[in-house]
Amino acid sequence: MPTSKTATARALIDPEVKKQAEAILKEMGLSVSKSFELFYRQVIAQKGIPFELQIPNEKTMKAITNSREGKGKTFASPDELFEDTGI
């Protein structure tokens, strides 16, 4: 049985965020309306936000910043990484 799609949801968001998100959705073949519906359906299925929300600690934020700036250690192989981290 088809559903009646007559409800409206409105939100104010940053114009640049909207532009970037809509470009990605378009590449995926999704309309803004369909993506909102998918998000809402996942909220229902997960009984909450369908992804983890957390604030990174200071050490993690420093690592993220360094990575974005091209700083930090690099490894030639996973084995080198594991050896450096003691795994």
N, C-alpha and C. Protein backbone atom coordinates (compact mmCIF):
# COMPACT_ATOMS: atom_id res chain seq x y z
N MET A 1 0.84 -1.17 0.00
CA MET A 1 0.00 0.00 0.00
C MET A 1 0.89 1.24 0.00
N PRO A 2 0.77 2.13 -0.96
CA PRO A 2 1.60 3.33 -1.01
C PRO A 2 1.30 4.26 0.15
N THR A 3 2.35 4.96 0.59
CA THR A 3 2.16 5.91 1.68
C THR A 3 1.84 7.28 1.13
N SER A 4 1.14 8.05 1.90
CA SER A 4 0.80 9.42 1.52
C SER A 4 1.90 10.33 2.05
N LYS A 5 2.64 10.94 1.14
CA LYS A 5 3.75 11.80 1.53
C LYS A 5 3.29 13.25 1.48
N THR A 6 2.71 13.70 2.59
CA THR A 6 2.20 15.06 2.65
C THR A 6 2.81 15.87 3.79
N ALA A 7 3.57 15.25 4.68
CA ALA A 7 4.18 15.97 5.80
C ALA A 7 5.41 16.74 5.32
N THR A 8 5.67 17.86 5.97
CA THR A 8 6.81 18.70 5.62
C THR A 8 7.74 18.81 6.82
N ALA A 9 9.05 18.72 6.57
CA ALA A 9 10.06 18.95 7.59
C ALA A 9 10.96 20.07 7.09
N ARG A 10 11.22 21.05 7.94
CA ARG A 10 12.06 22.19 7.54
C ARG A 10 13.21 22.33 8.51
N ALA A 11 14.35 22.79 8.00
CA ALA A 11 15.52 22.99 8.85
C ALA A 11 16.36 24.12 8.29
N LEU A 12 16.96 24.91 9.16
CA LEU A 12 17.90 25.94 8.75
C LEU A 12 19.30 25.39 8.94
N ILE A 13 20.09 25.38 7.86
CA ILE A 13 21.45 24.87 7.94
C ILE A 13 22.40 25.81 7.21
N ASP A 14 23.67 25.63 7.47
CA ASP A 14 24.70 26.43 6.82
C ASP A 14 24.64 26.22 5.31
N PRO A 15 24.64 27.30 4.52
CA PRO A 15 24.53 27.16 3.07
C PRO A 15 25.63 26.31 2.43
N GLU A 16 26.85 26.40 2.94
CA GLU A 16 27.95 25.62 2.37
C GLU A 16 27.78 24.13 2.68
N VAL A 17 27.30 23.82 3.87
CA VAL A 17 27.03 22.42 4.23
C VAL A 17 25.95 21.87 3.31
N LYS A 18 24.91 22.65 3.09
CA LYS A 18 23.81 22.24 2.20
C LYS A 18 24.33 21.97 0.79
N LYS A 19 25.12 22.90 0.29
CA LYS A 19 25.66 22.78 -1.08
C LYS A 19 26.51 21.51 -1.22
N GLN A 20 27.42 21.29 -0.29
CA GLN A 20 28.29 20.13 -0.38
C GLN A 20 27.51 18.82 -0.23
N ALA A 21 26.60 18.78 0.73
CA ALA A 21 25.82 17.56 0.95
C ALA A 21 24.94 17.25 -0.26
N GLU A 22 24.30 18.25 -0.81
CA GLU A 22 23.42 18.01 -1.95
C GLU A 22 24.19 17.56 -3.18
N ALA A 23 25.42 18.03 -3.34
CA ALA A 23 26.25 17.57 -4.46
C ALA A 23 26.56 16.08 -4.31
N ILE A 24 26.87 15.67 -3.09
CA ILE A 24 27.17 14.25 -2.85
C ILE A 24 25.91 13.41 -3.05
N LEU A 25 24.80 13.87 -2.51
CA LEU A 25 23.54 13.13 -2.68
C LEU A 25 23.18 12.99 -4.14
N LYS A 26 23.39 14.06 -4.93
CA LYS A 26 23.09 14.00 -6.35
C LYS A 26 23.94 12.94 -7.04
N GLU A 27 25.23 12.86 -6.68
CA GLU A 27 26.10 11.83 -7.25
C GLU A 27 25.60 10.43 -6.92
N MET A 28 24.97 10.31 -5.77
CA MET A 28 24.43 9.01 -5.33
C MET A 28 23.05 8.74 -5.92
N GLY A 29 22.50 9.72 -6.62
CA GLY A 29 21.17 9.54 -7.20
C GLY A 29 20.05 9.74 -6.19
N LEU A 30 20.32 10.47 -5.11
CA LEU A 30 19.31 10.69 -4.08
C LEU A 30 18.86 12.14 -4.07
N SER A 31 17.57 12.33 -3.92
CA SER A 31 17.04 13.67 -3.73
C SER A 31 17.18 14.04 -2.26
N VAL A 32 17.05 15.33 -1.97
CA VAL A 32 17.09 15.77 -0.57
C VAL A 32 15.92 15.13 0.19
N SER A 33 14.75 15.11 -0.42
CA SER A 33 13.59 14.51 0.25
C SER A 33 13.82 13.04 0.57
N LYS A 34 14.33 12.29 -0.40
CA LYS A 34 14.56 10.86 -0.18
C LYS A 34 15.63 10.65 0.90
N SER A 35 16.68 11.49 0.90
CA SER A 35 17.72 11.32 1.91
C SER A 35 17.20 11.63 3.31
N PHE A 36 16.32 12.64 3.43
CA PHE A 36 15.70 12.91 4.72
C PHE A 36 14.86 11.72 5.17
N GLU A 37 14.10 11.16 4.25
CA GLU A 37 13.27 10.01 4.61
C GLU A 37 14.14 8.83 5.04
N LEU A 38 15.25 8.60 4.33
CA LEU A 38 16.16 7.53 4.73
C LEU A 38 16.71 7.76 6.13
N PHE A 39 17.10 9.00 6.40
CA PHE A 39 17.61 9.33 7.73
C PHE A 39 16.54 9.08 8.79
N TYR A 40 15.34 9.57 8.57
CA TYR A 40 14.25 9.37 9.52
C TYR A 40 13.95 7.88 9.73
N ARG A 41 13.97 7.11 8.65
CA ARG A 41 13.70 5.67 8.78
C ARG A 41 14.79 4.99 9.61
N GLN A 42 16.03 5.44 9.47
CA GLN A 42 17.12 4.88 10.27
C GLN A 42 16.99 5.30 11.73
N VAL A 43 16.53 6.51 11.99
CA VAL A 43 16.28 6.94 13.37
C VAL A 43 15.26 6.00 14.01
N ILE A 44 14.22 5.67 13.26
CA ILE A 44 13.19 4.75 13.76
C ILE A 44 13.79 3.36 13.98
N ALA A 45 14.51 2.85 12.99
CA ALA A 45 15.06 1.49 13.08
C ALA A 45 16.07 1.38 14.22
N GLN A 46 16.89 2.42 14.43
CA GLN A 46 17.93 2.38 15.47
C GLN A 46 17.42 2.91 16.81
N LYS A 47 16.21 3.47 16.79
CA LYS A 47 15.63 4.10 17.98
C LYS A 47 16.56 5.19 18.52
N GLY A 48 17.12 5.97 17.60
CA GLY A 48 18.02 7.06 17.95
C GLY A 48 18.81 7.50 16.73
N ILE A 49 19.79 8.35 16.95
CA ILE A 49 20.65 8.81 15.86
C ILE A 49 21.37 7.59 15.28
N PRO A 50 21.36 7.41 13.95
CA PRO A 50 21.91 6.18 13.36
C PRO A 50 23.43 6.18 13.17
N PHE A 51 24.12 7.00 13.95
CA PHE A 51 25.58 6.98 13.93
C PHE A 51 26.05 7.47 15.29
N GLU A 52 27.30 7.16 15.62
CA GLU A 52 27.84 7.51 16.93
C GLU A 52 28.21 8.99 16.98
N LEU A 53 27.81 9.65 18.06
CA LEU A 53 28.18 11.04 18.29
C LEU A 53 29.10 11.09 19.50
N GLN A 54 30.27 11.69 19.32
CA GLN A 54 31.17 11.83 20.45
C GLN A 54 32.12 12.98 20.23
N ILE A 55 32.63 13.51 21.32
CA ILE A 55 33.61 14.59 21.25
C ILE A 55 34.98 13.96 21.47
N PRO A 56 35.89 14.13 20.49
CA PRO A 56 37.23 13.53 20.63
C PRO A 56 37.98 14.16 21.80
N ASN A 57 38.81 13.34 22.48
CA ASN A 57 39.62 13.88 23.55
C ASN A 57 40.78 14.68 22.97
N GLU A 58 41.56 15.34 23.83
CA GLU A 58 42.64 16.23 23.38
C GLU A 58 43.68 15.50 22.53
N LYS A 59 44.04 14.28 22.92
CA LYS A 59 45.05 13.51 22.18
C LYS A 59 44.54 13.17 20.78
N THR A 60 43.28 12.76 20.69
CA THR A 60 42.69 12.43 19.40
C THR A 60 42.59 13.66 18.51
N MET A 61 42.18 14.80 19.10
CA MET A 61 42.09 16.04 18.32
C MET A 61 43.44 16.46 17.77
N LYS A 62 44.50 16.29 18.58
CA LYS A 62 45.84 16.62 18.11
C LYS A 62 46.24 15.72 16.94
N ALA A 63 45.92 14.44 17.03
CA ALA A 63 46.22 13.50 15.95
C ALA A 63 45.45 13.86 14.68
N ILE A 64 44.19 14.24 14.82
CA ILE A 64 43.38 14.63 13.67
C ILE A 64 43.96 15.88 13.02
N THR A 65 44.30 16.87 13.84
CA THR A 65 44.88 18.12 13.32
C THR A 65 46.20 17.83 12.60
N ASN A 66 47.07 17.05 13.23
CA ASN A 66 48.36 16.71 12.61
C ASN A 66 48.16 15.99 11.28
N SER A 67 47.22 15.07 11.25
CA SER A 67 46.96 14.32 10.02
C SER A 67 46.48 15.25 8.91
N ARG A 68 45.57 16.15 9.24
CA ARG A 68 45.06 17.09 8.24
C ARG A 68 46.15 18.02 7.73
N GLU A 69 47.15 18.29 8.57
CA GLU A 69 48.26 19.15 8.17
C GLU A 69 49.41 18.37 7.54
N GLY A 70 49.23 17.07 7.38
CA GLY A 70 50.27 16.24 6.77
C GLY A 70 51.42 15.92 7.69
N LYS A 71 51.21 16.10 8.98
CA LYS A 71 52.24 15.82 9.98
C LYS A 71 51.99 14.44 10.58
N GLY A 72 52.96 13.93 11.28
CA GLY A 72 52.80 12.66 11.97
C GLY A 72 53.61 11.57 11.32
N LYS A 73 53.58 10.41 11.94
CA LYS A 73 54.34 9.27 11.44
C LYS A 73 53.66 8.64 10.24
N THR A 74 54.49 8.10 9.37
CA THR A 74 53.97 7.29 8.28
C THR A 74 54.69 5.95 8.32
N PHE A 75 54.05 4.95 7.79
CA PHE A 75 54.58 3.60 7.82
C PHE A 75 54.50 2.98 6.44
N ALA A 76 55.51 2.20 6.11
CA ALA A 76 55.58 1.56 4.79
C ALA A 76 54.69 0.33 4.72
N SER A 77 54.34 -0.22 5.89
CA SER A 77 53.53 -1.43 5.90
C SER A 77 52.74 -1.50 7.20
N PRO A 78 51.70 -2.31 7.21
CA PRO A 78 50.96 -2.51 8.46
C PRO A 78 51.86 -3.08 9.56
N ASP A 79 52.78 -3.96 9.17
CA ASP A 79 53.68 -4.54 10.17
C ASP A 79 54.49 -3.47 10.89
N GLU A 80 54.96 -2.45 10.15
CA GLU A 80 55.70 -1.35 10.77
C GLU A 80 54.82 -0.60 11.76
N LEU A 81 53.57 -0.36 11.37
CA LEU A 81 52.63 0.31 12.26
C LEU A 81 52.42 -0.50 13.52
N PHE A 82 52.16 -1.79 13.36
CA PHE A 82 51.91 -2.67 14.51
C PHE A 82 53.13 -2.72 15.43
N GLU A 83 54.31 -2.76 14.84
CA GLU A 83 55.53 -2.79 15.65
C GLU A 83 55.68 -1.49 16.44
N ASP A 84 55.42 -0.37 15.79
CA ASP A 84 55.54 0.93 16.46
C ASP A 84 54.54 1.08 17.60
N THR A 85 53.33 0.55 17.41
CA THR A 85 52.30 0.67 18.44
C THR A 85 52.31 -0.47 19.45
N GLY A 86 53.18 -1.45 19.22
CA GLY A 86 53.28 -2.55 20.18
C GLY A 86 52.19 -3.58 20.05
N ILE A 87 51.60 -3.65 18.89
CA ILE A 87 50.52 -4.64 18.69
C ILE A 87 51.11 -5.94 18.16
